[in-house]
Amino acid sequence: MTGTRTAALPEVPTLIEAGLSGVDVAGWHGIVAPKGTDPALVTRINQAVVQVLQLAEVRERLTALGIEAVEGSPEALAAKMRADTARWAPVIQRTGMQAD
């Protein structure tokens, strides 16, 4: 998040600290499954990923790569994806951006 300094670069101010309030351009990664996937399977996969992300060696490796792992629920990821889509779709449409 742009409101919290990254552990990899704690001396670098956040965008908010730099005077750019309202800016949230944090990148993220998630694991998704096709629509209609059995909810029980989604829950099992999520639980396994959360367990792996809690392992010290995994956290250390991710931190060394500058990645801050955040565990979450499938519902939280879906909400994040909806929010980002609503936020960035107008920008993409206005600018005519396209994926390469």
PDB file of N, CA and C in Angstrom:
ATOM      1  N   MET A   1       0.831  -1.185   0.000  1.00  0.00           N
ATOM      2  CA  MET A   1       0.000   0.000   0.000  1.00  0.00           C
ATOM      3  C   MET A   1       0.871   1.242   0.000  1.00  0.00           C
ATOM      4  N   THR A   2       0.387   2.284  -0.556  1.00  0.00           N
ATOM      5  CA  THR A   2       1.149   3.512  -0.606  1.00  0.00           C
ATOM      6  C   THR A   2       1.112   4.263   0.716  1.00  0.00           C
ATOM      7  N   GLY A   3       0.300   3.813   1.661  1.00  0.00           N
ATOM      8  CA  GLY A   3       0.242   4.461   2.966  1.00  0.00           C
ATOM      9  C   GLY A   3       1.211   3.885   3.963  1.00  0.00           C
ATOM     10  N   THR A   4       1.878   2.810   3.621  1.00  0.00           N
ATOM     11  CA  THR A   4       2.809   2.147   4.526  1.00  0.00           C
ATOM     12  C   THR A   4       4.149   1.976   3.827  1.00  0.00           C
ATOM     13  N   ARG A   5       5.207   2.336   4.521  1.00  0.00           N
ATOM     14  CA  ARG A   5       6.539   2.157   3.924  1.00  0.00           C
ATOM     15  C   ARG A   5       6.842   0.673   3.751  1.00  0.00           C
ATOM     16  N   THR A   6       7.558   0.365   2.710  1.00  0.00           N
ATOM     17  CA  THR A   6       7.923  -1.024   2.457  1.00  0.00           C
ATOM     18  C   THR A   6       9.113  -1.417   3.323  1.00  0.00           C
ATOM     19  N   ALA A   7       9.097  -2.639   3.810  1.00  0.00           N
ATOM     20  CA  ALA A   7      10.200  -3.134   4.636  1.00  0.00           C
ATOM     21  C   ALA A   7      11.501  -3.176   3.847  1.00  0.00           C
ATOM     22  N   ALA A   8      11.394  -3.357   2.530  1.00  0.00           N
ATOM     23  CA  ALA A   8      12.598  -3.438   1.699  1.00  0.00           C
ATOM     24  C   ALA A   8      13.302  -2.086   1.586  1.00  0.00           C
ATOM     25  N   LEU A   9      12.554  -0.997   1.679  1.00  0.00           N
ATOM     26  CA  LEU A   9      13.115   0.356   1.556  1.00  0.00           C
ATOM     27  C   LEU A   9      12.491   1.271   2.610  1.00  0.00           C
ATOM     28  N   PRO A  10      12.767   1.011   3.882  1.00  0.00           N
ATOM     29  CA  PRO A  10      12.084   1.763   4.947  1.00  0.00           C
ATOM     30  C   PRO A  10      12.400   3.253   4.969  1.00  0.00           C
ATOM     31  N   GLU A  11      13.502   3.654   4.349  1.00  0.00           N
ATOM     32  CA  GLU A  11      13.861   5.073   4.337  1.00  0.00           C
ATOM     33  C   GLU A  11      13.152   5.861   3.238  1.00  0.00           C
ATOM     34  N   VAL A  12      12.513   5.171   2.308  1.00  0.00           N
ATOM     35  CA  VAL A  12      11.809   5.827   1.206  1.00  0.00           C
ATOM     36  C   VAL A  12      10.395   6.185   1.667  1.00  0.00           C
ATOM     37  N   PRO A  13      10.025   7.463   1.567  1.00  0.00           N
ATOM     38  CA  PRO A  13       8.687   7.865   2.016  1.00  0.00           C
ATOM     39  C   PRO A  13       7.591   7.266   1.145  1.00  0.00           C
ATOM     40  N   THR A  14       6.438   7.121   1.736  1.00  0.00           N
ATOM     41  CA  THR A  14       5.273   6.655   0.981  1.00  0.00           C
ATOM     42  C   THR A  14       4.813   7.775   0.052  1.00  0.00           C
ATOM     43  N   LEU A  15       3.953   7.439  -0.897  1.00  0.00           N
ATOM     44  CA  LEU A  15       3.403   8.465  -1.777  1.00  0.00           C
ATOM     45  C   LEU A  15       2.613   9.497  -0.981  1.00  0.00           C
ATOM     46  N   ILE A  16       1.910   9.036   0.033  1.00  0.00           N
ATOM     47  CA  ILE A  16       1.145   9.956   0.878  1.00  0.00           C
ATOM     48  C   ILE A  16       2.101  10.895   1.608  1.00  0.00           C
ATOM     49  N   GLU A  17       3.180  10.348   2.166  1.00  0.00           N
ATOM     50  CA  GLU A  17       4.174  11.185   2.852  1.00  0.00           C
ATOM     51  C   GLU A  17       4.818  12.178   1.876  1.00  0.00           C
ATOM     52  N   ALA A  18       4.892  11.805   0.618  1.00  0.00           N
ATOM     53  CA  ALA A  18       5.489  12.680  -0.394  1.00  0.00           C
ATOM     54  C   ALA A  18       4.491  13.707  -0.924  1.00  0.00           C
ATOM     55  N   GLY A  19       3.280  13.715  -0.375  1.00  0.00           N
ATOM     56  CA  GLY A  19       2.301  14.718  -0.759  1.00  0.00           C
ATOM     57  C   GLY A  19       1.321  14.298  -1.830  1.00  0.00           C
ATOM     58  N   LEU A  20       1.278  13.035  -2.154  1.00  0.00           N
ATOM     59  CA  LEU A  20       0.366  12.539  -3.192  1.00  0.00           C
ATOM     60  C   LEU A  20      -0.784  11.759  -2.562  1.00  0.00           C
ATOM     61  N   SER A  21      -1.569  12.438  -1.732  1.00  0.00           N
ATOM     62  CA  SER A  21      -2.679  11.753  -1.073  1.00  0.00           C
ATOM     63  C   SER A  21      -3.693  11.276  -2.100  1.00  0.00           C
ATOM     64  N   GLY A  22      -4.344  10.183  -1.787  1.00  0.00           N
ATOM     65  CA  GLY A  22      -5.341   9.627  -2.681  1.00  0.00           C
ATOM     66  C   GLY A  22      -4.771   8.749  -3.782  1.00  0.00           C
ATOM     67  N   VAL A  23      -3.453   8.566  -3.798  1.00  0.00           N
ATOM     68  CA  VAL A  23      -2.821   7.737  -4.816  1.00  0.00           C
ATOM     69  C   VAL A  23      -2.551   6.357  -4.227  1.00  0.00           C
ATOM     70  N   ASP A  24      -3.057   5.333  -4.863  1.00  0.00           N
ATOM     71  CA  ASP A  24      -2.808   3.960  -4.425  1.00  0.00           C
ATOM     72  C   ASP A  24      -2.475   3.149  -5.662  1.00  0.00           C
ATOM     73  N   VAL A  25      -1.201   2.921  -5.889  1.00  0.00           N
ATOM     74  CA  VAL A  25      -0.773   2.187  -7.073  1.00  0.00           C
ATOM     75  C   VAL A  25       0.047   0.957  -6.692  1.00  0.00           C
ATOM     76  N   ALA A  26      -0.239   0.419  -5.534  1.00  0.00           N
ATOM     77  CA  ALA A  26       0.484  -0.759  -5.082  1.00  0.00           C
ATOM     78  C   ALA A  26       0.173  -1.949  -5.992  1.00  0.00           C
ATOM     79  N   GLY A  27       1.211  -2.663  -6.380  1.00  0.00           N
ATOM     80  CA  GLY A  27       1.020  -3.873  -7.164  1.00  0.00           C
ATOM     81  C   GLY A  27       0.646  -5.034  -6.261  1.00  0.00           C
ATOM     82  N   TRP A  28       0.072  -6.034  -6.838  1.00  0.00           N
ATOM     83  CA  TRP A  28      -0.290  -7.213  -6.056  1.00  0.00           C
ATOM     84  C   TRP A  28      -0.345  -8.427  -6.968  1.00  0.00           C
ATOM     85  N   HIS A  29      -0.301  -9.587  -6.348  1.00  0.00           N
ATOM     86  CA  HIS A  29      -0.415 -10.859  -7.050  1.00  0.00           C
ATOM     87  C   HIS A  29      -1.487 -11.674  -6.351  1.00  0.00           C
ATOM     88  N   GLY A  30      -2.150 -12.494  -7.070  1.00  0.00           N
ATOM     89  CA  GLY A  30      -3.150 -13.366  -6.484  1.00  0.00           C
ATOM     90  C   GLY A  30      -3.259 -14.641  -7.294  1.00  0.00           C
ATOM     91  N   ILE A  31      -3.890 -15.608  -6.699  1.00  0.00           N
ATOM     92  CA  ILE A  31      -4.146 -16.872  -7.385  1.00  0.00           C
ATOM     93  C   ILE A  31      -5.635 -16.916  -7.675  1.00  0.00           C
ATOM     94  N   VAL A  32      -5.981 -17.158  -8.928  1.00  0.00           N
ATOM     95  CA  VAL A  32      -7.385 -17.195  -9.324  1.00  0.00           C
ATOM     96  C   VAL A  32      -7.711 -18.547  -9.960  1.00  0.00           C
ATOM     97  N   ALA A  33      -8.979 -18.856  -9.958  1.00  0.00           N
ATOM     98  CA  ALA A  33      -9.460 -20.108 -10.556  1.00  0.00           C
ATOM     99  C   ALA A  33     -10.606 -19.762 -11.502  1.00  0.00           C
ATOM    100  N   PRO A  34     -10.895 -20.649 -12.424  1.00  0.00           N
ATOM    101  CA  PRO A  34     -12.002 -20.384 -13.348  1.00  0.00           C
ATOM    102  C   PRO A  34     -13.333 -20.211 -12.607  1.00  0.00           C
ATOM    103  N   LYS A  35     -14.186 -19.373 -13.176  1.00  0.00           N
ATOM    104  CA  LYS A  35     -15.526 -19.190 -12.630  1.00  0.00           C
ATOM    105  C   LYS A  35     -16.207 -20.557 -12.533  1.00  0.00           C
ATOM    106  N   GLY A  36     -16.898 -20.772 -11.438  1.00  0.00           N
ATOM    107  CA  GLY A  36     -17.606 -22.032 -11.248  1.00  0.00           C
ATOM    108  C   GLY A  36     -16.791 -23.094 -10.527  1.00  0.00           C
ATOM    109  N   THR A  37     -15.536 -22.773 -10.171  1.00  0.00           N
ATOM    110  CA  THR A  37     -14.736 -23.732  -9.418  1.00  0.00           C
ATOM    111  C   THR A  37     -15.424 -24.015  -8.088  1.00  0.00           C
ATOM    112  N   ASP A  38     -15.407 -25.264  -7.687  1.00  0.00           N
ATOM    113  CA  ASP A  38     -16.033 -25.681  -6.433  1.00  0.00           C
ATOM    114  C   ASP A  38     -15.521 -24.813  -5.278  1.00  0.00           C
ATOM    115  N   PRO A  39     -16.406 -24.131  -4.550  1.00  0.00           N
ATOM    116  CA  PRO A  39     -15.981 -23.277  -3.444  1.00  0.00           C
ATOM    117  C   PRO A  39     -15.145 -24.007  -2.386  1.00  0.00           C
ATOM    118  N   ALA A  40     -15.420 -25.285  -2.182  1.00  0.00           N
ATOM    119  CA  ALA A  40     -14.635 -26.055  -1.216  1.00  0.00           C
ATOM    120  C   ALA A  40     -13.183 -26.172  -1.680  1.00  0.00           C
ATOM    121  N   LEU A  41     -12.977 -26.336  -2.985  1.00  0.00           N
ATOM    122  CA  LEU A  41     -11.631 -26.410  -3.536  1.00  0.00           C
ATOM    123  C   LEU A  41     -10.930 -25.056  -3.405  1.00  0.00           C
ATOM    124  N   VAL A  42     -11.649 -23.986  -3.686  1.00  0.00           N
ATOM    125  CA  VAL A  42     -11.080 -22.643  -3.536  1.00  0.00           C
ATOM    126  C   VAL A  42     -10.639 -22.427  -2.095  1.00  0.00           C
ATOM    127  N   THR A  43     -11.457 -22.835  -1.153  1.00  0.00           N
ATOM    128  CA  THR A  43     -11.116 -22.693   0.270  1.00  0.00           C
ATOM    129  C   THR A  43      -9.878 -23.503   0.617  1.00  0.00           C
ATOM    130  N   ARG A  44      -9.797 -24.729   0.129  1.00  0.00           N
ATOM    131  CA  ARG A  44      -8.624 -25.575   0.410  1.00  0.00           C
ATOM    132  C   ARG A  44      -7.357 -24.969  -0.164  1.00  0.00           C
ATOM    133  N   ILE A  45      -7.421 -24.462  -1.385  1.00  0.00           N
ATOM    134  CA  ILE A  45      -6.248 -23.839  -2.002  1.00  0.00           C
ATOM    135  C   ILE A  45      -5.839 -22.613  -1.207  1.00  0.00           C
ATOM    136  N   ASN A  46      -6.810 -21.792  -0.827  1.00  0.00           N
ATOM    137  CA  ASN A  46      -6.512 -20.589  -0.045  1.00  0.00           C
ATOM    138  C   ASN A  46      -5.850 -20.945   1.283  1.00  0.00           C
ATOM    139  N   GLN A  47      -6.366 -21.945   1.960  1.00  0.00           N
ATOM    140  CA  GLN A  47      -5.781 -22.363   3.241  1.00  0.00           C
ATOM    141  C   GLN A  47      -4.344 -22.837   3.051  1.00  0.00           C
ATOM    142  N   ALA A  48      -4.086 -23.571   1.980  1.00  0.00           N
ATOM    143  CA  ALA A  48      -2.729 -24.067   1.723  1.00  0.00           C
ATOM    144  C   ALA A  48      -1.776 -22.911   1.427  1.00  0.00           C
ATOM    145  N   VAL A  49      -2.229 -21.940   0.633  1.00  0.00           N
ATOM    146  CA  VAL A  49      -1.384 -20.788   0.312  1.00  0.00           C
ATOM    147  C   VAL A  49      -1.083 -19.989   1.571  1.00  0.00           C
ATOM    148  N   VAL A  50      -2.092 -19.781   2.409  1.00  0.00           N
ATOM    149  CA  VAL A  50      -1.881 -19.045   3.663  1.00  0.00           C
ATOM    150  C   VAL A  50      -0.857 -19.776   4.537  1.00  0.00           C
ATOM    151  N   GLN A  51      -0.952 -21.083   4.622  1.00  0.00           N
ATOM    152  CA  GLN A  51       0.016 -21.860   5.412  1.00  0.00           C
ATOM    153  C   GLN A  51       1.427 -21.683   4.874  1.00  0.00           C
ATOM    154  N   VAL A  52       1.588 -21.740   3.571  1.00  0.00           N
ATOM    155  CA  VAL A  52       2.908 -21.585   2.960  1.00  0.00           C
ATOM    156  C   VAL A  52       3.450 -20.181   3.215  1.00  0.00           C
ATOM    157  N   LEU A  53       2.604 -19.178   3.086  1.00  0.00           N
ATOM    158  CA  LEU A  53       3.050 -17.800   3.295  1.00  0.00           C
ATOM    159  C   LEU A  53       3.428 -17.513   4.746  1.00  0.00           C
ATOM    160  N   GLN A  54       3.004 -18.373   5.659  1.00  0.00           N
ATOM    161  CA  GLN A  54       3.364 -18.196   7.059  1.00  0.00           C
ATOM    162  C   GLN A  54       4.690 -18.864   7.421  1.00  0.00           C
ATOM    163  N   LEU A  55       5.262 -19.635   6.511  1.00  0.00           N
ATOM    164  CA  LEU A  55       6.542 -20.286   6.770  1.00  0.00           C
ATOM    165  C   LEU A  55       7.659 -19.240   6.773  1.00  0.00           C
ATOM    166  N   ALA A  56       8.507 -19.310   7.780  1.00  0.00           N
ATOM    167  CA  ALA A  56       9.582 -18.328   7.930  1.00  0.00           C
ATOM    168  C   ALA A  56      10.470 -18.271   6.693  1.00  0.00           C
ATOM    169  N   GLU A  57      10.829 -19.419   6.147  1.00  0.00           N
ATOM    170  CA  GLU A  57      11.736 -19.423   4.996  1.00  0.00           C
ATOM    171  C   GLU A  57      11.091 -18.793   3.757  1.00  0.00           C
ATOM    172  N   VAL A  58       9.787 -18.952   3.620  1.00  0.00           N
ATOM    173  CA  VAL A  58       9.080 -18.344   2.495  1.00  0.00           C
ATOM    174  C   VAL A  58       9.024 -16.836   2.685  1.00  0.00           C
ATOM    175  N   ARG A  59       8.681 -16.398   3.889  1.00  0.00           N
ATOM    176  CA  ARG A  59       8.633 -14.952   4.183  1.00  0.00           C
ATOM    177  C   ARG A  59       9.999 -14.314   3.971  1.00  0.00           C
ATOM    178  N   GLU A  60      11.045 -14.984   4.430  1.00  0.00           N
ATOM    179  CA  GLU A  60      12.401 -14.448   4.268  1.00  0.00           C
ATOM    180  C   GLU A  60      12.760 -14.313   2.793  1.00  0.00           C
ATOM    181  N   ARG A  61      12.420 -15.301   2.006  1.00  0.00           N
ATOM    182  CA  ARG A  61      12.740 -15.265   0.570  1.00  0.00           C
ATOM    183  C   ARG A  61      11.954 -14.155  -0.128  1.00  0.00           C
ATOM    184  N   LEU A  62      10.688 -14.048   0.196  1.00  0.00           N
ATOM    185  CA  LEU A  62       9.869 -13.002  -0.401  1.00  0.00           C
ATOM    186  C   LEU A  62      10.379 -11.619   0.004  1.00  0.00           C
ATOM    187  N   THR A  63      10.726 -11.469   1.265  1.00  0.00           N
ATOM    188  CA  THR A  63      11.265 -10.188   1.742  1.00  0.00           C
ATOM    189  C   THR A  63      12.549  -9.853   1.006  1.00  0.00           C
ATOM    190  N   ALA A  64      13.406 -10.837   0.784  1.00  0.00           N
ATOM    191  CA  ALA A  64      14.657 -10.613   0.049  1.00  0.00           C
ATOM    192  C   ALA A  64      14.375 -10.142  -1.377  1.00  0.00           C
ATOM    193  N   LEU A  65      13.239 -10.509  -1.912  1.00  0.00           N
ATOM    194  CA  LEU A  65      12.844 -10.102  -3.258  1.00  0.00           C
ATOM    195  C   LEU A  65      12.066  -8.786  -3.252  1.00  0.00           C
ATOM    196  N   GLY A  66      11.865  -8.218  -2.054  1.00  0.00           N
ATOM    197  CA  GLY A  66      11.125  -6.966  -1.949  1.00  0.00           C
ATOM    198  C   GLY A  66       9.621  -7.147  -1.968  1.00  0.00           C
ATOM    199  N   ILE A  67       9.169  -8.355  -1.649  1.00  0.00           N
ATOM    200  CA  ILE A  67       7.743  -8.669  -1.679  1.00  0.00           C
ATOM    201  C   ILE A  67       7.234  -8.813  -0.255  1.00  0.00           C
ATOM    202  N   GLU A  68       6.155  -8.121   0.048  1.00  0.00           N
ATOM    203  CA  GLU A  68       5.525  -8.244   1.353  1.00  0.00           C
ATOM    204  C   GLU A  68       4.273  -9.104   1.191  1.00  0.00           C
ATOM    205  N   ALA A  69       4.328 -10.314   1.724  1.00  0.00           N
ATOM    206  CA  ALA A  69       3.207 -11.241   1.582  1.00  0.00           C
ATOM    207  C   ALA A  69       2.053 -10.807   2.467  1.00  0.00           C
ATOM    208  N   VAL A  70       0.856 -10.821   1.895  1.00  0.00           N
ATOM    209  CA  VAL A  70      -0.360 -10.506   2.633  1.00  0.00           C
ATOM    210  C   VAL A  70      -1.337 -11.645   2.392  1.00  0.00           C
ATOM    211  N   GLU A  71      -1.682 -12.340   3.454  1.00  0.00           N
ATOM    212  CA  GLU A  71      -2.669 -13.402   3.298  1.00  0.00           C
ATOM    213  C   GLU A  71      -4.048 -12.777   3.270  1.00  0.00           C
ATOM    214  N   GLY A  72      -4.946 -13.419   2.563  1.00  0.00           N
ATOM    215  CA  GLY A  72      -6.305 -12.913   2.509  1.00  0.00           C
ATOM    216  C   GLY A  72      -7.269 -13.994   2.065  1.00  0.00           C
ATOM    217  N   SER A  73      -8.518 -13.639   2.077  1.00  0.00           N
ATOM    218  CA  SER A  73      -9.562 -14.575   1.686  1.00  0.00           C
ATOM    219  C   SER A  73      -9.862 -14.441   0.195  1.00  0.00           C
ATOM    220  N   PRO A  74     -10.484 -15.450  -0.372  1.00  0.00           N
ATOM    221  CA  PRO A  74     -10.910 -15.331  -1.767  1.00  0.00           C
ATOM    222  C   PRO A  74     -11.851 -14.134  -1.963  1.00  0.00           C
ATOM    223  N   GLU A  75     -12.671 -13.873  -0.968  1.00  0.00           N
ATOM    224  CA  GLU A  75     -13.609 -12.751  -1.059  1.00  0.00           C
ATOM    225  C   GLU A  75     -12.870 -11.412  -1.072  1.00  0.00           C
ATOM    226  N   ALA A  76     -11.804 -11.305  -0.274  1.00  0.00           N
ATOM    227  CA  ALA A  76     -11.022 -10.067  -0.239  1.00  0.00           C
ATOM    228  C   ALA A  76     -10.320  -9.836  -1.579  1.00  0.00           C
ATOM    229  N   LEU A  77      -9.802 -10.899  -2.186  1.00  0.00           N
ATOM    230  CA  LEU A  77      -9.155 -10.764  -3.494  1.00  0.00           C
ATOM    231  C   LEU A  77     -10.180 -10.358  -4.545  1.00  0.00           C
ATOM    232  N   ALA A  78     -11.343 -10.963  -4.513  1.00  0.00           N
ATOM    233  CA  ALA A  78     -12.395 -10.607  -5.476  1.00  0.00           C
ATOM    234  C   ALA A  78     -12.784  -9.144  -5.318  1.00  0.00           C
ATOM    235  N   ALA A  79     -12.887  -8.671  -4.084  1.00  0.00           N
ATOM    236  CA  ALA A  79     -13.225  -7.263  -3.843  1.00  0.00           C
ATOM    237  C   ALA A  79     -12.132  -6.351  -4.359  1.00  0.00           C
ATOM    238  N   LYS A  80     -10.867  -6.729  -4.151  1.00  0.00           N
ATOM    239  CA  LYS A  80      -9.740  -5.930  -4.643  1.00  0.00           C
ATOM    240  C   LYS A  80      -9.772  -5.870  -6.166  1.00  0.00           C
ATOM    241  N   MET A  81     -10.033  -6.984  -6.810  1.00  0.00           N
ATOM    242  CA  MET A  81     -10.076  -7.022  -8.268  1.00  0.00           C
ATOM    243  C   MET A  81     -11.216  -6.154  -8.801  1.00  0.00           C
ATOM    244  N   ARG A  82     -12.383  -6.217  -8.151  1.00  0.00           N
ATOM    245  CA  ARG A  82     -13.511  -5.379  -8.577  1.00  0.00           C
ATOM    246  C   ARG A  82     -13.176  -3.895  -8.408  1.00  0.00           C
ATOM    247  N   ALA A  83     -12.588  -3.542  -7.270  1.00  0.00           N
ATOM    248  CA  ALA A  83     -12.239  -2.141  -6.999  1.00  0.00           C
ATOM    249  C   ALA A  83     -11.210  -1.638  -8.006  1.00  0.00           C
ATOM    250  N   ASP A  84     -10.180  -2.443  -8.275  1.00  0.00           N
ATOM    251  CA  ASP A  84      -9.158  -2.021  -9.233  1.00  0.00           C
ATOM    252  C   ASP A  84      -9.720  -1.899 -10.647  1.00  0.00           C
ATOM    253  N   THR A  85     -10.607  -2.802 -11.010  1.00  0.00           N
ATOM    254  CA  THR A  85     -11.235  -2.736 -12.328  1.00  0.00           C
ATOM    255  C   THR A  85     -12.056  -1.452 -12.457  1.00  0.00           C
ATOM    256  N   ALA A  86     -12.839  -1.145 -11.435  1.00  0.00           N
ATOM    257  CA  ALA A  86     -13.655   0.064 -11.464  1.00  0.00           C
ATOM    258  C   ALA A  86     -12.780   1.312 -11.496  1.00  0.00           C
ATOM    259  N   ARG A  87     -11.670   1.264 -10.809  1.00  0.00           N
ATOM    260  CA  ARG A  87     -10.786   2.425 -10.737  1.00  0.00           C
ATOM    261  C   ARG A  87     -10.019   2.660 -12.041  1.00  0.00           C
ATOM    262  N   TRP A  88      -9.496   1.580 -12.622  1.00  0.00           N
ATOM    263  CA  TRP A  88      -8.583   1.745 -13.753  1.00  0.00           C
ATOM    264  C   TRP A  88      -9.245   1.619 -15.120  1.00  0.00           C
ATOM    265  N   ALA A  89     -10.419   1.032 -15.221  1.00  0.00           N
ATOM    266  CA  ALA A  89     -11.088   0.886 -16.522  1.00  0.00           C
ATOM    267  C   ALA A  89     -11.289   2.229 -17.218  1.00  0.00           C
ATOM    268  N   PRO A  90     -11.759   3.261 -16.519  1.00  0.00           N
ATOM    269  CA  PRO A  90     -11.913   4.551 -17.203  1.00  0.00           C
ATOM    270  C   PRO A  90     -10.587   5.122 -17.706  1.00  0.00           C
ATOM    271  N   VAL A  91      -9.519   4.913 -16.959  1.00  0.00           N
ATOM    272  CA  VAL A  91      -8.201   5.400 -17.380  1.00  0.00           C
ATOM    273  C   VAL A  91      -7.770   4.668 -18.645  1.00  0.00           C
ATOM    274  N   ILE A  92      -7.957   3.380 -18.665  1.00  0.00           N
ATOM    275  CA  ILE A  92      -7.584   2.569 -19.831  1.00  0.00           C
ATOM    276  C   ILE A  92      -8.400   2.993 -21.045  1.00  0.00           C
ATOM    277  N   GLN A  93      -9.683   3.205 -20.847  1.00  0.00           N
ATOM    278  CA  GLN A  93     -10.542   3.615 -21.962  1.00  0.00           C
ATOM    279  C   GLN A  93     -10.165   5.006 -22.481  1.00  0.00           C
ATOM    280  N   ARG A  94      -9.921   5.944 -21.574  1.00  0.00           N
ATOM    281  CA  ARG A  94      -9.570   7.316 -21.978  1.00  0.00           C
ATOM    282  C   ARG A  94      -8.256   7.371 -22.747  1.00  0.00           C
ATOM    283  N   THR A  95      -7.294   6.568 -22.309  1.00  0.00           N
ATOM    284  CA  THR A  95      -5.953   6.638 -22.919  1.00  0.00           C
ATOM    285  C   THR A  95      -5.798   5.703 -24.102  1.00  0.00           C
ATOM    286  N   GLY A  96      -6.707   4.745 -24.233  1.00  0.00           N
ATOM    287  CA  GLY A  96      -6.586   3.778 -25.323  1.00  0.00           C
ATOM    288  C   GLY A  96      -5.486   2.752 -25.076  1.00  0.00           C
ATOM    289  N   MET A  97      -5.082   2.583 -23.822  1.00  0.00           N
ATOM    290  CA  MET A  97      -4.019   1.609 -23.505  1.00  0.00           C
ATOM    291  C   MET A  97      -4.436   0.213 -23.943  1.00  0.00           C
ATOM    292  N   GLN A  98      -3.433  -0.556 -24.350  1.00  0.00           N
ATOM    293  CA  GLN A  98      -3.646  -1.948 -24.737  1.00  0.00           C
ATOM    294  C   GLN A  98      -2.511  -2.794 -24.206  1.00  0.00           C
ATOM    295  N   ALA A  99      -2.800  -4.038 -23.906  1.00  0.00           N
ATOM    296  CA  ALA A  99      -1.760  -4.963 -23.463  1.00  0.00           C
ATOM    297  C   ALA A  99      -0.934  -5.412 -24.665  1.00  0.00           C
ATOM    298  N   ASP A 100       0.360  -5.554 -24.464  1.00  0.00           N
ATOM    299  CA  ASP A 100       1.246  -6.080 -25.506  1.00  0.00           C
ATOM    300  C   ASP A 100       1.342  -7.577 -25.372  1.00  0.00           C
TER     301      ASP A 100
END
